[in-house]
N, C-alpha and C. Protein backbone atom coordinates (compact mmCIF):
# COMPACT_ATOMS: atom_id res chain seq x y z
N MET A 1 1.50 -12.39 9.40
CA MET A 1 0.52 -11.46 8.94
C MET A 1 -0.54 -12.12 8.04
N ARG A 2 -1.61 -11.50 7.90
CA ARG A 2 -2.70 -12.17 7.18
C ARG A 2 -3.23 -11.29 6.16
N ALA A 3 -3.40 -11.72 4.94
CA ALA A 3 -3.95 -10.85 3.91
C ALA A 3 -4.65 -11.63 2.83
N SER A 4 -5.61 -10.97 2.21
CA SER A 4 -6.33 -11.66 1.15
C SER A 4 -6.71 -10.62 0.14
N LEU A 5 -6.05 -10.65 -1.04
CA LEU A 5 -6.24 -9.67 -2.11
C LEU A 5 -6.62 -10.41 -3.36
N SER A 6 -7.38 -9.82 -4.17
CA SER A 6 -7.70 -10.43 -5.42
C SER A 6 -7.59 -9.42 -6.52
N PHE A 7 -6.39 -9.43 -7.17
CA PHE A 7 -6.12 -8.46 -8.20
C PHE A 7 -6.89 -8.76 -9.47
N GLY A 8 -7.71 -9.72 -9.48
CA GLY A 8 -8.43 -10.10 -10.70
C GLY A 8 -9.25 -9.03 -11.33
N SER A 9 -9.63 -7.92 -10.62
CA SER A 9 -10.48 -6.90 -11.24
C SER A 9 -9.93 -5.56 -11.28
N PHE A 10 -8.67 -5.42 -11.72
CA PHE A 10 -8.07 -4.08 -11.89
C PHE A 10 -8.86 -3.25 -12.81
N GLY A 11 -9.66 -3.91 -13.64
CA GLY A 11 -10.41 -3.15 -14.64
C GLY A 11 -11.28 -2.08 -14.02
N SER A 12 -11.49 -2.08 -12.70
CA SER A 12 -12.40 -1.10 -12.08
C SER A 12 -11.74 0.27 -12.09
N PHE A 13 -10.47 0.40 -12.39
CA PHE A 13 -9.89 1.71 -12.57
C PHE A 13 -10.16 2.25 -13.96
N GLY A 14 -10.60 3.46 -14.01
CA GLY A 14 -10.92 4.03 -15.30
C GLY A 14 -9.77 3.95 -16.28
N SER A 15 -8.53 4.21 -15.81
CA SER A 15 -7.43 4.17 -16.75
C SER A 15 -6.64 2.86 -16.67
N PHE A 16 -7.24 1.85 -16.00
CA PHE A 16 -6.58 0.58 -15.87
C PHE A 16 -7.03 -0.36 -16.95
N GLY A 17 -7.49 0.10 -17.98
CA GLY A 17 -8.08 -0.80 -18.96
C GLY A 17 -7.43 -2.16 -19.06
N SER A 18 -6.08 -2.18 -18.98
CA SER A 18 -5.38 -3.46 -19.16
C SER A 18 -5.23 -4.21 -17.87
N PHE A 19 -5.70 -3.65 -16.76
CA PHE A 19 -5.49 -4.33 -15.47
C PHE A 19 -6.22 -5.65 -15.38
N GLY A 20 -7.26 -5.80 -16.17
CA GLY A 20 -8.00 -7.08 -16.07
C GLY A 20 -7.14 -8.26 -16.35
N SER A 21 -6.05 -8.03 -17.10
CA SER A 21 -5.14 -9.18 -17.47
C SER A 21 -4.15 -9.45 -16.40
N PHE A 22 -4.03 -8.63 -15.35
CA PHE A 22 -3.04 -8.86 -14.32
C PHE A 22 -3.45 -9.99 -13.40
N GLY A 23 -4.73 -10.21 -13.21
CA GLY A 23 -5.21 -11.25 -12.35
C GLY A 23 -4.50 -11.12 -10.96
N LEU A 24 -4.41 -9.90 -10.37
CA LEU A 24 -3.66 -9.70 -9.15
C LEU A 24 -4.37 -10.23 -7.94
N CYS A 25 -3.59 -10.45 -6.85
CA CYS A 25 -4.24 -10.89 -5.61
C CYS A 25 -3.29 -10.59 -4.44
N ILE A 26 -3.78 -10.43 -3.21
CA ILE A 26 -2.87 -10.17 -2.14
C ILE A 26 -3.27 -10.49 -0.74
N LEU A 27 -2.56 -10.36 0.12
CA LEU A 27 -1.95 -10.52 1.38
C LEU A 27 -2.70 -10.72 2.69
N LEU A 28 -2.05 -10.95 3.67
CA LEU A 28 -2.32 -11.00 5.09
C LEU A 28 -2.53 -12.41 5.65
N VAL A 29 -1.54 -13.04 6.15
CA VAL A 29 -1.59 -14.35 6.76
C VAL A 29 -0.65 -14.44 7.87
N ALA A 30 -0.99 -14.95 9.05
CA ALA A 30 -0.14 -14.95 10.19
C ALA A 30 1.25 -15.37 9.85
N GLY A 31 2.21 -14.42 10.17
CA GLY A 31 3.58 -14.77 9.92
C GLY A 31 4.12 -14.10 8.74
N CYS A 32 3.34 -13.32 7.92
CA CYS A 32 3.95 -12.67 6.75
C CYS A 32 4.25 -11.27 7.13
N ASN A 33 4.69 -10.43 6.13
CA ASN A 33 5.17 -9.13 6.52
C ASN A 33 4.10 -8.10 6.61
N ARG A 34 2.83 -8.48 6.32
CA ARG A 34 1.73 -7.49 6.49
C ARG A 34 0.56 -8.30 7.16
N THR A 35 -0.35 -7.55 7.72
CA THR A 35 -1.46 -8.20 8.33
C THR A 35 -2.73 -7.52 8.28
N GLU A 36 -3.80 -8.15 7.89
CA GLU A 36 -5.13 -7.54 7.90
C GLU A 36 -5.93 -8.18 9.05
N GLU A 37 -6.50 -7.37 9.89
CA GLU A 37 -7.32 -7.88 11.00
C GLU A 37 -8.67 -7.20 10.94
N PRO A 38 -9.57 -7.63 10.07
CA PRO A 38 -10.84 -6.98 9.90
C PRO A 38 -11.70 -6.95 11.12
N HIS A 39 -11.44 -7.84 12.07
CA HIS A 39 -12.28 -7.86 13.24
C HIS A 39 -11.62 -7.22 14.46
N SER A 40 -10.47 -6.57 14.25
CA SER A 40 -9.81 -5.97 15.39
C SER A 40 -10.48 -4.66 15.79
N SER A 41 -10.26 -4.15 16.95
CA SER A 41 -10.89 -2.90 17.35
C SER A 41 -10.25 -1.69 16.73
N GLY A 42 -10.98 -0.59 16.81
CA GLY A 42 -10.43 0.63 16.21
C GLY A 42 -9.16 1.11 16.86
N ASP A 43 -8.93 0.63 18.10
CA ASP A 43 -7.70 1.08 18.82
C ASP A 43 -6.46 0.54 18.09
N ALA A 44 -6.61 -0.46 17.24
CA ALA A 44 -5.45 -1.01 16.60
C ALA A 44 -4.94 -0.10 15.48
N GLN A 45 -5.73 0.85 15.03
CA GLN A 45 -5.34 1.70 13.95
C GLN A 45 -4.38 2.76 14.49
N ALA A 46 -3.59 3.42 13.58
CA ALA A 46 -2.64 4.40 14.00
C ALA A 46 -3.28 5.52 14.75
N ALA A 47 -2.86 5.71 16.02
CA ALA A 47 -3.56 6.65 16.89
C ALA A 47 -3.32 8.09 16.45
N ALA A 48 -2.20 8.36 15.80
CA ALA A 48 -1.86 9.72 15.45
C ALA A 48 -2.60 10.22 14.21
N LEU A 49 -3.37 9.37 13.54
CA LEU A 49 -3.95 9.79 12.30
C LEU A 49 -5.08 10.84 12.55
N PRO A 50 -5.14 11.86 11.69
CA PRO A 50 -6.20 12.84 11.83
C PRO A 50 -7.54 12.28 11.32
N ALA A 51 -8.59 12.97 11.64
CA ALA A 51 -9.89 12.46 11.24
C ALA A 51 -10.02 12.47 9.71
N ALA A 52 -10.80 11.56 9.20
CA ALA A 52 -11.01 11.52 7.75
C ALA A 52 -11.81 12.72 7.28
N THR A 53 -11.48 13.26 6.08
CA THR A 53 -12.17 14.41 5.53
C THR A 53 -12.55 14.14 4.11
N PRO A 54 -13.62 14.65 3.62
CA PRO A 54 -14.00 14.46 2.25
C PRO A 54 -13.02 15.00 1.28
N ALA A 55 -12.67 14.32 0.24
CA ALA A 55 -11.70 14.78 -0.74
C ALA A 55 -12.41 15.78 -1.64
N GLN A 56 -11.70 16.88 -1.95
CA GLN A 56 -12.20 17.93 -2.86
C GLN A 56 -11.36 17.88 -4.11
N THR A 57 -11.75 17.10 -5.08
CA THR A 57 -10.92 17.01 -6.29
C THR A 57 -11.77 17.37 -7.46
N GLU A 58 -11.15 17.96 -8.46
CA GLU A 58 -11.84 18.38 -9.67
C GLU A 58 -12.29 17.20 -10.50
N LYS A 59 -11.37 16.14 -10.48
CA LYS A 59 -11.72 14.98 -11.32
C LYS A 59 -11.94 13.79 -10.40
N SER A 60 -13.15 13.62 -9.99
CA SER A 60 -13.54 12.51 -9.13
C SER A 60 -14.25 11.43 -9.92
N ALA A 61 -14.19 10.19 -9.41
CA ALA A 61 -14.90 9.15 -10.11
C ALA A 61 -16.39 9.36 -10.01
N PRO A 62 -17.20 9.00 -11.00
CA PRO A 62 -18.63 9.16 -10.98
C PRO A 62 -19.25 8.44 -9.83
N SER A 63 -19.56 9.18 -8.77
CA SER A 63 -20.12 8.58 -7.55
C SER A 63 -20.80 9.71 -6.78
N SER A 64 -21.85 9.34 -6.04
CA SER A 64 -22.53 10.29 -5.18
C SER A 64 -21.84 10.45 -3.84
N LYS A 65 -20.82 9.61 -3.58
CA LYS A 65 -20.22 9.61 -2.30
C LYS A 65 -18.86 10.34 -2.39
N ALA A 66 -18.57 11.16 -1.33
CA ALA A 66 -17.28 11.82 -1.28
C ALA A 66 -16.21 10.77 -0.86
N ALA A 67 -15.00 10.91 -1.41
CA ALA A 67 -13.92 10.04 -1.03
C ALA A 67 -13.44 10.30 0.35
N CYS A 68 -12.97 9.29 1.06
CA CYS A 68 -12.37 9.43 2.35
C CYS A 68 -10.89 9.64 2.21
N VAL A 69 -10.34 10.72 2.70
CA VAL A 69 -8.94 11.05 2.52
C VAL A 69 -8.38 11.58 3.84
N ILE A 70 -7.23 11.00 4.21
CA ILE A 70 -6.54 11.44 5.48
C ILE A 70 -5.35 12.32 5.09
N PRO A 71 -5.37 13.61 5.47
CA PRO A 71 -4.27 14.51 5.07
C PRO A 71 -2.90 14.08 5.64
N MET A 72 -1.83 14.32 4.94
CA MET A 72 -0.52 14.14 5.45
C MET A 72 -0.12 15.21 6.39
N THR A 73 0.79 14.96 7.27
CA THR A 73 1.30 16.00 8.18
C THR A 73 2.12 17.03 7.38
N ALA A 74 2.16 18.23 7.90
CA ALA A 74 2.94 19.29 7.18
C ALA A 74 4.44 18.93 7.25
N GLU A 75 4.88 18.48 8.38
CA GLU A 75 6.29 18.15 8.54
C GLU A 75 6.55 16.64 8.37
N PRO A 76 7.62 16.24 7.71
CA PRO A 76 7.86 14.83 7.55
C PRO A 76 8.15 14.14 8.90
N PRO A 77 7.74 12.93 9.05
CA PRO A 77 7.98 12.17 10.30
C PRO A 77 9.46 11.83 10.47
N HIS A 78 9.83 11.41 11.62
CA HIS A 78 11.18 11.02 11.95
C HIS A 78 11.55 9.90 11.01
N ARG A 79 12.81 9.92 10.53
CA ARG A 79 13.23 8.92 9.54
C ARG A 79 13.47 7.59 10.22
N ALA A 80 12.83 6.54 9.64
CA ALA A 80 12.98 5.19 10.19
C ALA A 80 14.27 4.57 9.61
N ALA A 81 14.92 3.78 10.39
CA ALA A 81 16.17 3.17 9.99
C ALA A 81 15.93 1.74 9.48
N SER A 82 16.81 1.23 8.64
CA SER A 82 16.75 -0.18 8.25
C SER A 82 17.13 -1.03 9.45
N ALA A 83 16.69 -2.28 9.44
CA ALA A 83 17.00 -3.19 10.53
C ALA A 83 18.49 -3.47 10.54
N LEU A 84 19.07 -3.49 11.73
CA LEU A 84 20.52 -3.82 11.84
C LEU A 84 20.76 -5.28 11.54
N HIS A 85 19.82 -6.14 11.92
CA HIS A 85 19.96 -7.54 11.68
C HIS A 85 18.62 -8.07 11.16
N CYS A 86 18.67 -8.63 9.97
CA CYS A 86 17.42 -9.15 9.40
C CYS A 86 17.30 -10.67 9.61
N PRO A 87 16.14 -11.15 9.99
CA PRO A 87 15.98 -12.60 10.23
C PRO A 87 16.34 -13.36 8.92
N PRO A 88 16.92 -14.57 9.05
CA PRO A 88 17.25 -15.36 7.89
C PRO A 88 16.04 -15.78 7.11
N ASP A 89 16.13 -15.76 5.82
CA ASP A 89 15.04 -16.17 4.95
C ASP A 89 14.97 -17.69 4.85
N PRO A 90 13.86 -18.29 5.36
CA PRO A 90 13.80 -19.75 5.36
C PRO A 90 13.57 -20.41 4.03
N GLN A 91 13.08 -19.60 3.03
CA GLN A 91 12.76 -20.17 1.72
C GLN A 91 13.49 -19.60 0.53
N GLY A 92 13.81 -18.30 0.59
CA GLY A 92 14.35 -17.65 -0.59
C GLY A 92 13.32 -16.94 -1.35
N GLN A 93 13.66 -15.86 -2.00
CA GLN A 93 12.76 -15.03 -2.73
C GLN A 93 12.39 -15.60 -4.12
N GLY A 94 11.13 -15.75 -4.35
CA GLY A 94 10.69 -16.28 -5.62
C GLY A 94 10.44 -15.12 -6.61
N GLU A 95 10.27 -15.47 -7.86
CA GLU A 95 10.02 -14.42 -8.91
C GLU A 95 8.54 -14.05 -8.94
N LEU A 96 8.25 -12.73 -8.96
CA LEU A 96 6.86 -12.27 -8.96
C LEU A 96 6.55 -11.61 -10.28
N ALA A 97 5.28 -11.57 -10.63
CA ALA A 97 4.84 -10.79 -11.80
C ALA A 97 4.99 -9.32 -11.52
N HIS A 98 5.08 -8.51 -12.59
CA HIS A 98 5.31 -7.07 -12.44
C HIS A 98 4.24 -6.28 -13.17
N GLY A 99 4.05 -5.09 -12.67
CA GLY A 99 3.17 -4.09 -13.30
C GLY A 99 3.71 -2.70 -13.07
N TYR A 100 2.97 -1.69 -13.35
CA TYR A 100 3.38 -0.29 -13.12
C TYR A 100 2.30 0.56 -12.52
N VAL A 101 2.72 1.43 -11.64
CA VAL A 101 1.79 2.44 -11.07
C VAL A 101 2.36 3.84 -11.41
N VAL A 102 1.49 4.61 -12.02
CA VAL A 102 1.92 5.94 -12.50
C VAL A 102 1.18 7.02 -11.73
N PHE A 103 1.93 8.04 -11.25
CA PHE A 103 1.37 9.16 -10.51
C PHE A 103 1.27 10.37 -11.41
N THR A 104 0.28 10.39 -12.23
CA THR A 104 0.16 11.44 -13.23
C THR A 104 -0.08 12.82 -12.65
N GLU A 105 -0.57 12.90 -11.50
CA GLU A 105 -0.86 14.20 -10.86
C GLU A 105 0.28 14.74 -10.03
N ALA A 106 1.37 13.98 -9.90
CA ALA A 106 2.53 14.38 -9.11
C ALA A 106 3.57 15.01 -10.06
N PRO A 107 4.45 15.86 -9.56
CA PRO A 107 5.48 16.45 -10.39
C PRO A 107 6.32 15.40 -11.12
N GLY A 108 6.39 15.57 -12.41
CA GLY A 108 7.20 14.59 -13.22
C GLY A 108 6.54 13.30 -13.55
N SER A 109 5.29 13.12 -13.04
CA SER A 109 4.55 11.86 -13.27
C SER A 109 5.41 10.62 -12.98
N PRO A 110 5.93 10.44 -11.76
CA PRO A 110 6.75 9.31 -11.48
C PRO A 110 6.04 8.00 -11.74
N ARG A 111 6.81 6.99 -12.16
CA ARG A 111 6.31 5.70 -12.58
C ARG A 111 7.07 4.60 -11.79
N LEU A 112 6.34 3.74 -11.09
CA LEU A 112 6.91 2.72 -10.28
C LEU A 112 6.73 1.35 -10.93
N ASN A 113 7.82 0.58 -10.93
CA ASN A 113 7.73 -0.83 -11.33
C ASN A 113 7.35 -1.60 -10.06
N VAL A 114 6.19 -2.22 -10.02
CA VAL A 114 5.71 -2.91 -8.81
C VAL A 114 5.63 -4.42 -9.04
N GLU A 115 5.95 -5.08 -7.93
CA GLU A 115 5.75 -6.52 -7.91
C GLU A 115 4.29 -6.77 -7.46
N LEU A 116 3.72 -7.81 -8.03
CA LEU A 116 2.32 -8.18 -7.81
C LEU A 116 2.31 -9.53 -7.09
N ALA A 117 1.80 -9.46 -5.86
CA ALA A 117 1.68 -10.77 -5.08
C ALA A 117 0.28 -11.28 -5.41
N ARG A 118 0.23 -12.53 -5.97
CA ARG A 118 -1.01 -13.07 -6.40
C ARG A 118 -1.39 -14.40 -5.70
N THR A 119 -0.40 -15.24 -5.48
CA THR A 119 -0.74 -16.52 -4.80
C THR A 119 -0.76 -16.33 -3.31
N GLU A 120 -1.32 -17.29 -2.61
CA GLU A 120 -1.39 -17.19 -1.15
C GLU A 120 -0.06 -17.11 -0.53
N ALA A 121 0.95 -17.81 -1.04
CA ALA A 121 2.31 -17.78 -0.51
C ALA A 121 2.90 -16.36 -0.70
N GLU A 122 2.65 -15.77 -1.90
CA GLU A 122 3.19 -14.45 -2.19
C GLU A 122 2.55 -13.41 -1.27
N LYS A 123 1.30 -13.57 -1.02
CA LYS A 123 0.59 -12.63 -0.16
C LYS A 123 1.08 -12.72 1.26
N GLU A 124 1.33 -13.89 1.75
CA GLU A 124 1.79 -14.06 3.12
C GLU A 124 3.22 -13.45 3.30
N ARG A 125 3.98 -13.59 2.25
CA ARG A 125 5.40 -13.17 2.33
C ARG A 125 5.55 -11.65 2.16
N GLY A 126 4.89 -11.05 1.20
CA GLY A 126 5.09 -9.64 0.97
C GLY A 126 6.55 -9.28 0.82
N LEU A 127 7.04 -8.28 1.52
CA LEU A 127 8.44 -7.87 1.41
C LEU A 127 9.30 -8.38 2.55
N MET A 128 8.87 -9.43 3.17
CA MET A 128 9.63 -9.97 4.30
C MET A 128 11.05 -10.40 3.90
N TYR A 129 11.98 -10.24 4.82
CA TYR A 129 13.38 -10.73 4.73
C TYR A 129 14.24 -9.95 3.75
N ARG A 130 13.67 -8.98 3.04
CA ARG A 130 14.53 -8.23 2.09
C ARG A 130 15.34 -7.16 2.83
N THR A 131 16.52 -6.96 2.32
CA THR A 131 17.38 -5.92 2.92
C THR A 131 17.53 -4.65 2.08
N LYS A 132 16.96 -4.70 0.87
CA LYS A 132 16.97 -3.50 0.01
C LYS A 132 15.79 -3.60 -0.98
N LEU A 133 15.37 -2.38 -1.47
CA LEU A 133 14.32 -2.27 -2.44
C LEU A 133 14.72 -1.10 -3.37
N PRO A 134 14.90 -1.37 -4.68
CA PRO A 134 15.28 -0.26 -5.61
C PRO A 134 14.36 0.90 -5.43
N ASP A 135 14.89 2.08 -5.68
CA ASP A 135 14.14 3.29 -5.43
C ASP A 135 12.91 3.38 -6.26
N ALA A 136 12.92 2.90 -7.51
CA ALA A 136 11.75 3.02 -8.42
C ALA A 136 10.92 1.76 -8.43
N GLN A 137 10.97 1.02 -7.32
CA GLN A 137 10.16 -0.20 -7.25
C GLN A 137 9.30 -0.20 -6.00
N GLY A 138 8.30 -1.09 -6.00
CA GLY A 138 7.41 -1.24 -4.88
C GLY A 138 6.70 -2.54 -4.96
N MET A 139 5.72 -2.74 -4.07
CA MET A 139 4.84 -3.89 -4.10
C MET A 139 3.44 -3.47 -3.98
N LEU A 140 2.60 -4.01 -4.83
CA LEU A 140 1.15 -3.61 -4.84
C LEU A 140 0.27 -4.82 -4.37
N PHE A 141 -0.55 -4.48 -3.38
CA PHE A 141 -1.51 -5.45 -2.86
C PHE A 141 -2.94 -5.02 -3.31
N SER A 142 -3.78 -5.97 -3.65
CA SER A 142 -5.12 -5.61 -4.08
C SER A 142 -6.14 -6.58 -3.56
N TRP A 143 -7.34 -6.02 -3.30
CA TRP A 143 -8.47 -6.84 -2.86
C TRP A 143 -9.54 -6.85 -3.97
N GLY A 144 -9.16 -6.82 -5.23
CA GLY A 144 -10.08 -6.91 -6.34
C GLY A 144 -11.15 -5.89 -6.38
N GLY A 145 -10.82 -4.69 -5.94
CA GLY A 145 -11.81 -3.55 -5.99
C GLY A 145 -12.74 -3.53 -4.83
N VAL A 146 -12.61 -4.48 -3.85
CA VAL A 146 -13.44 -4.44 -2.65
C VAL A 146 -12.87 -3.51 -1.63
N GLU A 147 -13.63 -2.55 -1.23
CA GLU A 147 -13.09 -1.50 -0.29
C GLU A 147 -13.49 -1.84 1.16
N GLU A 148 -12.48 -1.95 1.98
CA GLU A 148 -12.62 -2.12 3.42
C GLU A 148 -11.44 -1.44 4.15
N PRO A 149 -11.51 -1.15 5.38
CA PRO A 149 -10.34 -0.67 6.16
C PRO A 149 -9.30 -1.79 6.17
N ARG A 150 -8.05 -1.45 5.87
CA ARG A 150 -6.98 -2.43 5.80
C ARG A 150 -5.96 -2.17 6.92
N MET A 151 -5.46 -3.25 7.49
CA MET A 151 -4.45 -3.19 8.55
C MET A 151 -3.22 -4.00 8.16
N PHE A 152 -2.08 -3.38 8.26
CA PHE A 152 -0.80 -4.03 7.87
C PHE A 152 0.13 -4.01 9.08
N TRP A 153 1.10 -4.92 9.08
CA TRP A 153 2.19 -4.85 10.05
C TRP A 153 3.48 -5.09 9.35
N MET A 154 4.63 -5.05 10.14
CA MET A 154 5.97 -5.15 9.60
C MET A 154 6.74 -6.33 10.14
N ARG A 155 6.05 -7.43 10.39
CA ARG A 155 6.73 -8.60 10.84
C ARG A 155 7.78 -9.09 9.85
N ASN A 156 8.99 -9.34 10.34
CA ASN A 156 10.07 -9.88 9.53
C ASN A 156 10.39 -8.93 8.31
N THR A 157 9.98 -7.70 8.40
CA THR A 157 10.24 -6.76 7.34
C THR A 157 11.40 -5.84 7.71
N CYS A 158 12.48 -5.85 6.97
CA CYS A 158 13.75 -5.23 7.45
C CYS A 158 13.98 -3.84 6.74
N ILE A 159 13.06 -3.47 5.86
CA ILE A 159 13.18 -2.24 5.13
C ILE A 159 12.11 -1.27 5.60
N PRO A 160 12.43 -0.01 6.08
CA PRO A 160 11.36 0.91 6.45
C PRO A 160 10.59 1.32 5.17
N LEU A 161 9.28 1.50 5.32
CA LEU A 161 8.43 1.67 4.16
C LEU A 161 7.50 2.87 4.32
N ASP A 162 6.99 3.37 3.18
CA ASP A 162 5.78 4.13 3.10
C ASP A 162 4.68 3.24 2.61
N MET A 163 3.49 3.36 3.14
CA MET A 163 2.37 2.54 2.71
C MET A 163 1.27 3.46 2.20
N MET A 164 0.90 3.33 0.94
CA MET A 164 -0.19 4.15 0.36
C MET A 164 -1.46 3.29 0.30
N PHE A 165 -2.51 3.78 0.92
CA PHE A 165 -3.78 3.08 0.93
C PHE A 165 -4.66 3.70 -0.17
N ILE A 166 -5.02 2.93 -1.12
CA ILE A 166 -5.68 3.46 -2.36
C ILE A 166 -7.13 2.96 -2.54
N ALA A 167 -8.00 3.91 -2.80
CA ALA A 167 -9.38 3.58 -3.03
C ALA A 167 -9.62 2.91 -4.42
N ARG A 168 -10.76 2.38 -4.59
CA ARG A 168 -11.09 1.70 -5.85
C ARG A 168 -10.94 2.58 -7.05
N ASP A 169 -11.22 3.89 -6.91
CA ASP A 169 -11.11 4.80 -8.05
C ASP A 169 -9.72 5.32 -8.27
N GLY A 170 -8.72 4.84 -7.53
CA GLY A 170 -7.34 5.25 -7.76
C GLY A 170 -6.92 6.39 -6.80
N THR A 171 -7.81 6.91 -5.98
CA THR A 171 -7.41 8.01 -5.10
C THR A 171 -6.65 7.44 -3.87
N ILE A 172 -5.53 8.08 -3.58
CA ILE A 172 -4.77 7.67 -2.39
C ILE A 172 -5.52 8.22 -1.16
N ALA A 173 -6.11 7.33 -0.33
CA ALA A 173 -6.90 7.75 0.79
C ALA A 173 -6.01 8.20 1.95
N GLY A 174 -4.78 7.64 2.04
CA GLY A 174 -3.87 8.02 3.13
C GLY A 174 -2.52 7.33 2.92
N ILE A 175 -1.52 7.94 3.53
CA ILE A 175 -0.13 7.42 3.35
C ILE A 175 0.46 7.34 4.82
N LEU A 176 0.91 6.13 5.15
CA LEU A 176 1.72 5.97 6.37
C LEU A 176 3.16 6.10 5.99
N GLU A 177 3.85 7.04 6.56
CA GLU A 177 5.24 7.33 6.19
C GLU A 177 6.21 6.73 7.22
N GLN A 178 7.40 6.37 6.73
CA GLN A 178 8.48 5.96 7.63
C GLN A 178 8.00 4.90 8.64
N VAL A 179 7.38 3.84 8.14
CA VAL A 179 6.90 2.77 8.99
C VAL A 179 8.12 1.96 9.43
N PRO A 180 8.33 1.79 10.74
CA PRO A 180 9.48 1.14 11.24
C PRO A 180 9.55 -0.36 11.00
N THR A 181 10.79 -0.89 10.95
CA THR A 181 10.98 -2.35 10.63
C THR A 181 10.68 -3.21 11.80
N LEU A 182 10.58 -4.50 11.48
CA LEU A 182 10.42 -5.51 12.47
C LEU A 182 9.46 -5.18 13.57
N ASN A 183 8.29 -4.81 13.20
CA ASN A 183 7.27 -4.27 14.10
C ASN A 183 5.96 -4.97 13.84
N ASP A 184 5.34 -5.49 14.89
CA ASP A 184 4.10 -6.25 14.78
C ASP A 184 2.87 -5.40 15.04
N GLU A 185 3.02 -4.11 15.25
CA GLU A 185 1.92 -3.27 15.53
C GLU A 185 1.02 -3.08 14.27
N PRO A 186 -0.29 -3.37 14.34
CA PRO A 186 -1.18 -3.19 13.18
C PRO A 186 -1.29 -1.69 12.89
N ARG A 187 -1.26 -1.38 11.61
CA ARG A 187 -1.32 0.02 11.17
C ARG A 187 -2.28 0.09 9.94
N GLY A 188 -2.92 1.28 9.84
CA GLY A 188 -3.76 1.47 8.71
C GLY A 188 -4.31 2.91 8.71
N VAL A 189 -5.29 3.17 7.83
CA VAL A 189 -5.98 4.47 7.84
C VAL A 189 -7.46 4.21 7.98
N PRO A 190 -8.20 5.10 8.60
CA PRO A 190 -9.65 4.89 8.84
C PRO A 190 -10.48 5.15 7.61
N CYS A 191 -10.11 4.60 6.51
CA CYS A 191 -10.86 4.75 5.24
C CYS A 191 -10.94 3.39 4.54
N PRO A 192 -12.03 3.03 3.89
CA PRO A 192 -12.07 1.81 3.12
C PRO A 192 -11.22 1.94 1.87
N THR A 193 -10.36 0.99 1.63
CA THR A 193 -9.48 1.01 0.47
C THR A 193 -9.44 -0.36 -0.18
N ALA A 194 -9.06 -0.35 -1.45
CA ALA A 194 -9.01 -1.60 -2.24
C ALA A 194 -7.62 -2.04 -2.60
N TYR A 195 -6.59 -1.16 -2.42
CA TYR A 195 -5.24 -1.40 -2.80
C TYR A 195 -4.29 -0.84 -1.73
N VAL A 196 -3.15 -1.47 -1.59
CA VAL A 196 -2.13 -0.86 -0.76
C VAL A 196 -0.81 -1.00 -1.50
N LEU A 197 -0.09 0.11 -1.65
CA LEU A 197 1.19 0.13 -2.32
C LEU A 197 2.29 0.42 -1.32
N GLU A 198 3.30 -0.45 -1.31
CA GLU A 198 4.44 -0.26 -0.39
C GLU A 198 5.63 0.21 -1.23
N VAL A 199 6.30 1.28 -0.73
CA VAL A 199 7.53 1.74 -1.34
C VAL A 199 8.52 2.09 -0.32
N ASN A 200 9.73 2.43 -0.68
CA ASN A 200 10.75 2.82 0.32
C ASN A 200 10.30 3.99 1.13
N ALA A 201 10.70 3.97 2.38
CA ALA A 201 10.29 5.08 3.30
C ALA A 201 10.86 6.38 2.75
N GLY A 202 10.04 7.40 2.74
CA GLY A 202 10.42 8.74 2.24
C GLY A 202 10.21 8.93 0.76
N TRP A 203 9.89 7.90 0.00
CA TRP A 203 9.67 8.01 -1.43
C TRP A 203 8.43 8.87 -1.74
N SER A 204 7.41 8.72 -1.02
CA SER A 204 6.14 9.43 -1.33
C SER A 204 6.38 10.95 -1.24
N ARG A 205 6.90 11.44 -0.12
CA ARG A 205 7.09 12.87 0.02
C ARG A 205 8.16 13.41 -0.90
N ALA A 206 9.20 12.64 -1.10
CA ALA A 206 10.26 13.07 -2.01
C ALA A 206 9.76 13.31 -3.46
N HIS A 207 8.72 12.58 -3.87
CA HIS A 207 8.20 12.68 -5.21
C HIS A 207 6.86 13.50 -5.29
N GLY A 208 6.56 14.20 -4.21
CA GLY A 208 5.41 15.03 -4.21
C GLY A 208 4.06 14.31 -4.19
N ILE A 209 4.11 13.04 -3.72
CA ILE A 209 2.88 12.29 -3.60
C ILE A 209 2.16 12.69 -2.33
N GLN A 210 0.85 12.92 -2.42
CA GLN A 210 0.06 13.33 -1.23
C GLN A 210 -1.22 12.52 -1.20
N SER A 211 -1.82 12.54 -0.02
CA SER A 211 -3.17 11.98 0.07
C SER A 211 -4.12 12.77 -0.86
N GLY A 212 -4.94 12.06 -1.57
CA GLY A 212 -5.88 12.68 -2.51
C GLY A 212 -5.34 12.60 -3.92
N THR A 213 -4.04 12.29 -4.14
CA THR A 213 -3.47 12.07 -5.44
C THR A 213 -4.10 10.84 -6.13
N ARG A 214 -4.34 10.96 -7.37
CA ARG A 214 -4.88 9.80 -8.16
C ARG A 214 -3.72 9.04 -8.80
N VAL A 215 -3.87 7.73 -8.84
CA VAL A 215 -2.81 6.88 -9.48
C VAL A 215 -3.47 6.12 -10.62
N HIS A 216 -2.60 5.70 -11.58
CA HIS A 216 -3.07 4.83 -12.69
C HIS A 216 -2.17 3.60 -12.76
N PHE A 217 -2.77 2.50 -13.14
CA PHE A 217 -2.03 1.27 -13.26
C PHE A 217 -1.84 0.89 -14.74
N GLU A 218 -0.68 0.36 -15.03
CA GLU A 218 -0.37 -0.08 -16.38
C GLU A 218 0.06 -1.53 -16.37
């Protein structure tokens, strides 16, 4: 998989005041667990996604443009299973920096401890080869506030995931739920986004997270 994120400018979030110190960066390189293909055709995006609609939120970032938001389906998708056999890890998991993502607009304001992939090696690897992910943890990918359509895949990824595609102002533009394991199909939402957050499959809906929800980073 191929990815290129630069967490260095988290400060673009209104409530991220301290994000500037994270110096985050992320993903997509052939062979990692996610992939960005900026030159691929639109057919590569998830075919079942509904058309993008303007977000109607009371608290929007100061901008003359309406946010691009893809509504979630009313019914949850079929539950994806963990991989029966995970490919062997050729290198072993290294230690990553951590941060927090808070969903203040969701019931109970859930808070996730997220791993931050910053080096090229970390970006290429993502969540590859892991067989479990604690419920209150995730991985955050960032392109330094630069918004573009993002495409991810699940190569060598053994845990089913939800993927939240987040705009520069912290609005969740769309959520891919129950993404199946060990799958090379490119997936994304037809909205420009600056961050992608990966969590356990089903976590988003279980915690009342929806497209259009705003997030904050700590």
